[in-house]
C-alpha cells in the first residue's frame, strides 16, 4: 500500500507523529529557535561568571521555561534548579539519548515566538561588557570646523 493513500491515523501509528524541524528541536532541547531567549553550550557550562547573567535573564523573563539537559553534572543541575526555584520559574529536565549528543546544555525559552537575534549567553554577556567599557562618544566638533 502506498504511503500517501494510507489513512493518517494508521500512518501515525506506523511511523510516529510527524514533527516540524526535528533537528532544530533536538538542538534547542525540544524548542524551536524562534522561541529561545538564551542558551548556554557545553564548553562554557561550568563557568560561574555566567550565573549572574542567568539571574538577569530569569528576572527579565519570568514567564519563560528553563530547559536543562539531564546529562549535565549533578552539581551544575542543582545550581540551575535552585536558581529557577528562587525566581519561581518552571524548569524541565531533558534526558533523552538525543540530548546526550547535544552541544546545548541550558535553554531559556518562551511559549511563543520571541525572535531573539543573539541567544548565546557568552556572546550576549561579552557584548554587554564591551558596551559598558566603551566610551560614550568623542566630543563633537563645531559645525564651522567642517568647512575648513
C-alpha atoms as a PDB file:
ATOM      1  CA  UNK A   1       0.000   0.000   0.000  1.00  0.00           C
ATOM      2  CA  UNK A   2       1.226   3.466  -0.881  1.00  0.00           C
ATOM      3  CA  UNK A   3       2.151   5.811   1.986  1.00  0.00           C
ATOM      4  CA  UNK A   4       0.039   8.666   0.561  1.00  0.00           C
ATOM      5  CA  UNK A   5      -3.125   6.585   0.227  1.00  0.00           C
ATOM      6  CA  UNK A   6      -2.861   5.289   3.806  1.00  0.00           C
ATOM      7  CA  UNK A   7      -5.157   6.636   6.487  1.00  0.00           C
ATOM      8  CA  UNK A   8      -3.363   9.380   8.527  1.00  0.00           C
ATOM      9  CA  UNK A   9      -4.117   7.585  11.807  1.00  0.00           C
ATOM     10  CA  UNK A  10      -2.584   4.342  10.563  1.00  0.00           C
ATOM     11  CA  UNK A  11       0.362   6.272   9.158  1.00  0.00           C
ATOM     12  CA  UNK A  12       0.955   7.992  12.532  1.00  0.00           C
ATOM     13  CA  UNK A  13       0.772   4.608  14.272  1.00  0.00           C
ATOM     14  CA  UNK A  14       3.352   3.041  11.985  1.00  0.00           C
ATOM     15  CA  UNK A  15       5.823   5.903  11.556  1.00  0.00           C
ATOM     16  CA  UNK A  16       5.142   8.096  14.596  1.00  0.00           C
ATOM     17  CA  UNK A  17       3.727  11.575  14.720  1.00  0.00           C
ATOM     18  CA  UNK A  18       5.368  13.798  12.110  1.00  0.00           C
ATOM     19  CA  UNK A  19       7.438  16.647  13.543  1.00  0.00           C
ATOM     20  CA  UNK A  20       8.307  20.064  12.177  1.00  0.00           C
ATOM     21  CA  UNK A  21      12.075  20.720  12.128  1.00  0.00           C
ATOM     22  CA  UNK A  22      13.112  17.815  14.381  1.00  0.00           C
ATOM     23  CA  UNK A  23      16.830  18.655  14.105  1.00  0.00           C
ATOM     24  CA  UNK A  24      16.209  22.220  15.287  1.00  0.00           C
ATOM     25  CA  UNK A  25      14.072  20.980  18.161  1.00  0.00           C
ATOM     26  CA  UNK A  26      16.704  18.444  19.193  1.00  0.00           C
ATOM     27  CA  UNK A  27      19.389  21.119  19.130  1.00  0.00           C
ATOM     28  CA  UNK A  28      17.455  23.518  21.395  1.00  0.00           C
ATOM     29  CA  UNK A  29      16.284  20.843  23.871  1.00  0.00           C
ATOM     30  CA  UNK A  30      12.855  20.409  22.321  1.00  0.00           C
ATOM     31  CA  UNK A  31      12.249  24.051  21.348  1.00  0.00           C
ATOM     32  CA  UNK A  32      12.141  25.987  18.126  1.00  0.00           C
ATOM     33  CA  UNK A  33      14.887  28.580  17.618  1.00  0.00           C
ATOM     34  CA  UNK A  34      12.352  31.395  17.370  1.00  0.00           C
ATOM     35  CA  UNK A  35      11.171  30.764  20.955  1.00  0.00           C
ATOM     36  CA  UNK A  36      14.610  30.825  22.578  1.00  0.00           C
ATOM     37  CA  UNK A  37      15.694  33.751  24.754  1.00  0.00           C
ATOM     38  CA  UNK A  38      19.138  32.463  25.707  1.00  0.00           C
ATOM     39  CA  UNK A  39      21.229  29.255  25.687  1.00  0.00           C
ATOM     40  CA  UNK A  40      24.471  28.011  27.170  1.00  0.00           C
ATOM     41  CA  UNK A  41      26.672  25.458  25.447  1.00  0.00           C
ATOM     42  CA  UNK A  42      28.703  22.559  26.785  1.00  0.00           C
ATOM     43  CA  UNK A  43      32.059  24.335  26.623  1.00  0.00           C
ATOM     44  CA  UNK A  44      31.038  27.183  28.979  1.00  0.00           C
ATOM     45  CA  UNK A  45      28.642  25.357  31.289  1.00  0.00           C
ATOM     46  CA  UNK A  46      30.811  25.141  34.406  1.00  0.00           C
ATOM     47  CA  UNK A  47      31.928  28.759  34.439  1.00  0.00           C
ATOM     48  CA  UNK A  48      30.465  30.696  37.370  1.00  0.00           C
ATOM     49  CA  UNK A  49      30.742  34.112  35.699  1.00  0.00           C
ATOM     50  CA  UNK A  50      27.642  33.370  33.636  1.00  0.00           C
ATOM     51  CA  UNK A  51      25.382  32.570  36.589  1.00  0.00           C
ATOM     52  CA  UNK A  52      24.778  36.298  37.185  1.00  0.00           C
ATOM     53  CA  UNK A  53      23.772  36.636  33.542  1.00  0.00           C
ATOM     54  CA  UNK A  54      21.321  33.761  34.016  1.00  0.00           C
ATOM     55  CA  UNK A  55      19.873  35.533  37.042  1.00  0.00           C
ATOM     56  CA  UNK A  56      19.333  38.691  34.986  1.00  0.00           C
ATOM     57  CA  UNK A  57      17.683  36.697  32.207  1.00  0.00           C
ATOM     58  CA  UNK A  58      15.369  34.879  34.620  1.00  0.00           C
ATOM     59  CA  UNK A  59      14.360  38.140  36.267  1.00  0.00           C
ATOM     60  CA  UNK A  60      13.775  39.696  32.844  1.00  0.00           C
ATOM     61  CA  UNK A  61      11.611  36.829  31.518  1.00  0.00           C
ATOM     62  CA  UNK A  62       9.632  35.385  34.467  1.00  0.00           C
ATOM     63  CA  UNK A  63       7.101  33.577  32.245  1.00  0.00           C
ATOM     64  CA  UNK A  64       9.773  31.593  30.403  1.00  0.00           C
ATOM     65  CA  UNK A  65      10.634  27.946  30.979  1.00  0.00           C
ATOM     66  CA  UNK A  66      14.147  26.722  31.740  1.00  0.00           C
ATOM     67  CA  UNK A  67      15.132  23.537  29.883  1.00  0.00           C
ATOM     68  CA  UNK A  68      18.078  21.648  31.325  1.00  0.00           C
ATOM     69  CA  UNK A  69      19.999  18.869  29.654  1.00  0.00           C
ATOM     70  CA  UNK A  70      19.648  15.937  32.049  1.00  0.00           C
ATOM     71  CA  UNK A  71      23.100  14.663  31.117  1.00  0.00           C
ATOM     72  CA  UNK A  72      24.770  17.550  32.973  1.00  0.00           C
ATOM     73  CA  UNK A  73      26.797  17.092  36.113  1.00  0.00           C
ATOM     74  CA  UNK A  74      24.555  16.953  39.182  1.00  0.00           C
ATOM     75  CA  UNK A  75      26.182  19.963  40.894  1.00  0.00           C
ATOM     76  CA  UNK A  76      25.565  22.173  37.862  1.00  0.00           C
ATOM     77  CA  UNK A  77      21.988  20.929  37.560  1.00  0.00           C
ATOM     78  CA  UNK A  78      21.401  21.746  41.220  1.00  0.00           C
ATOM     79  CA  UNK A  79      22.633  25.319  40.727  1.00  0.00           C
ATOM     80  CA  UNK A  80      20.248  25.910  37.850  1.00  0.00           C
ATOM     81  CA  UNK A  81      17.315  24.231  39.606  1.00  0.00           C
ATOM     82  CA  UNK A  82      17.864  26.346  42.745  1.00  0.00           C
ATOM     83  CA  UNK A  83      18.082  29.471  40.624  1.00  0.00           C
ATOM     84  CA  UNK A  84      14.870  28.589  38.797  1.00  0.00           C
ATOM     85  CA  UNK A  85      13.031  27.855  42.021  1.00  0.00           C
ATOM     86  CA  UNK A  86      14.288  31.129  43.519  1.00  0.00           C
ATOM     87  CA  UNK A  87      12.665  33.018  40.618  1.00  0.00           C
ATOM     88  CA  UNK A  88       9.607  30.694  40.730  1.00  0.00           C
ATOM     89  CA  UNK A  89      10.293  29.642  37.165  1.00  0.00           C
ATOM     90  CA  UNK A  90       9.223  26.394  35.539  1.00  0.00           C
ATOM     91  CA  UNK A  91      12.043  24.074  34.540  1.00  0.00           C
ATOM     92  CA  UNK A  92      12.239  20.791  32.678  1.00  0.00           C
ATOM     93  CA  UNK A  93      14.947  18.142  32.530  1.00  0.00           C
ATOM     94  CA  UNK A  94      15.525  16.627  29.092  1.00  0.00           C
ATOM     95  CA  UNK A  95      17.100  13.192  29.417  1.00  0.00           C
ATOM     96  CA  UNK A  96      16.527  11.533  26.048  1.00  0.00           C
ATOM     97  CA  UNK A  97      19.541   9.983  24.341  1.00  0.00           C
ATOM     98  CA  UNK A  98      19.475  12.555  21.554  1.00  0.00           C
ATOM     99  CA  UNK A  99      20.230  15.309  24.103  1.00  0.00           C
ATOM    100  CA  UNK A 100      23.342  13.485  25.320  1.00  0.00           C
ATOM    101  CA  UNK A 101      24.983  14.335  21.997  1.00  0.00           C
ATOM    102  CA  UNK A 102      23.689  17.915  22.011  1.00  0.00           C
ATOM    103  CA  UNK A 103      26.074  20.808  22.486  1.00  0.00           C
ATOM    104  CA  UNK A 104      23.366  22.944  24.122  1.00  0.00           C
ATOM    105  CA  UNK A 105      23.049  22.355  27.864  1.00  0.00           C
ATOM    106  CA  UNK A 106      20.646  25.046  29.113  1.00  0.00           C
ATOM    107  CA  UNK A 107      17.834  26.843  27.254  1.00  0.00           C
ATOM    108  CA  UNK A 108      15.519  29.607  28.435  1.00  0.00           C
ATOM    109  CA  UNK A 109      12.512  29.622  26.112  1.00  0.00           C
ATOM    110  CA  UNK A 110       9.075  31.176  25.766  1.00  0.00           C
ATOM    111  CA  UNK A 111       5.809  29.528  24.784  1.00  0.00           C
ATOM    112  CA  UNK A 112       5.516  31.695  21.677  1.00  0.00           C
ATOM    113  CA  UNK A 113       7.951  33.192  19.187  1.00  0.00           C
ATOM    114  CA  UNK A 114      10.251  35.934  20.505  1.00  0.00           C
ATOM    115  CA  UNK A 115      12.845  36.118  17.687  1.00  0.00           C
ATOM    116  CA  UNK A 116      15.970  36.951  19.709  1.00  0.00           C
ATOM    117  CA  UNK A 117      18.903  37.686  17.428  1.00  0.00           C
ATOM    118  CA  UNK A 118      21.683  36.683  19.848  1.00  0.00           C
ATOM    119  CA  UNK A 119      20.847  33.693  22.009  1.00  0.00           C
ATOM    120  CA  UNK A 120      24.247  32.502  23.256  1.00  0.00           C
ATOM    121  CA  UNK A 121      24.730  33.799  26.796  1.00  0.00           C
ATOM    122  CA  UNK A 122      28.503  34.000  26.324  1.00  0.00           C
ATOM    123  CA  UNK A 123      28.172  36.312  23.311  1.00  0.00           C
ATOM    124  CA  UNK A 124      25.416  38.374  24.938  1.00  0.00           C
ATOM    125  CA  UNK A 125      27.429  38.822  28.149  1.00  0.00           C
ATOM    126  CA  UNK A 126      30.597  39.765  26.242  1.00  0.00           C
ATOM    127  CA  UNK A 127      28.728  42.339  24.157  1.00  0.00           C
ATOM    128  CA  UNK A 128      27.146  43.827  27.262  1.00  0.00           C
ATOM    129  CA  UNK A 129      30.544  44.110  28.965  1.00  0.00           C
ATOM    130  CA  UNK A 130      32.072  45.794  25.898  1.00  0.00           C
ATOM    131  CA  UNK A 131      29.266  48.328  25.654  1.00  0.00           C
ATOM    132  CA  UNK A 132      29.805  49.274  29.308  1.00  0.00           C
ATOM    133  CA  UNK A 133      33.570  49.699  28.887  1.00  0.00           C
ATOM    134  CA  UNK A 134      33.484  51.693  25.643  1.00  0.00           C
ATOM    135  CA  UNK A 135      33.458  55.469  25.961  1.00  0.00           C
ATOM    136  CA  UNK A 136      30.184  57.176  25.090  1.00  0.00           C
ATOM    137  CA  UNK A 137      31.460  59.032  22.033  1.00  0.00           C
ATOM    138  CA  UNK A 138      34.102  61.560  21.141  1.00  0.00           C
ATOM    139  CA  UNK A 139      33.144  65.196  21.605  1.00  0.00           C
ATOM    140  CA  UNK A 140      31.543  66.859  18.618  1.00  0.00           C
ATOM    141  CA  UNK A 141      33.465  69.468  16.755  1.00  0.00           C
ATOM    142  CA  UNK A 142      31.728  72.719  15.893  1.00  0.00           C
ATOM    143  CA  UNK A 143      29.910  72.817  12.594  1.00  0.00           C
ATOM    144  CA  UNK A 144      32.148  75.522  11.136  1.00  0.00           C
ATOM    145  CA  UNK A 145      35.239  73.301  11.522  1.00  0.00           C
ATOM    146  CA  UNK A 146      33.790  71.034   8.815  1.00  0.00           C
ATOM    147  CA  UNK A 147      34.022  73.879   6.319  1.00  0.00           C
ATOM    148  CA  UNK A 148      37.805  74.240   6.606  1.00  0.00           C
END
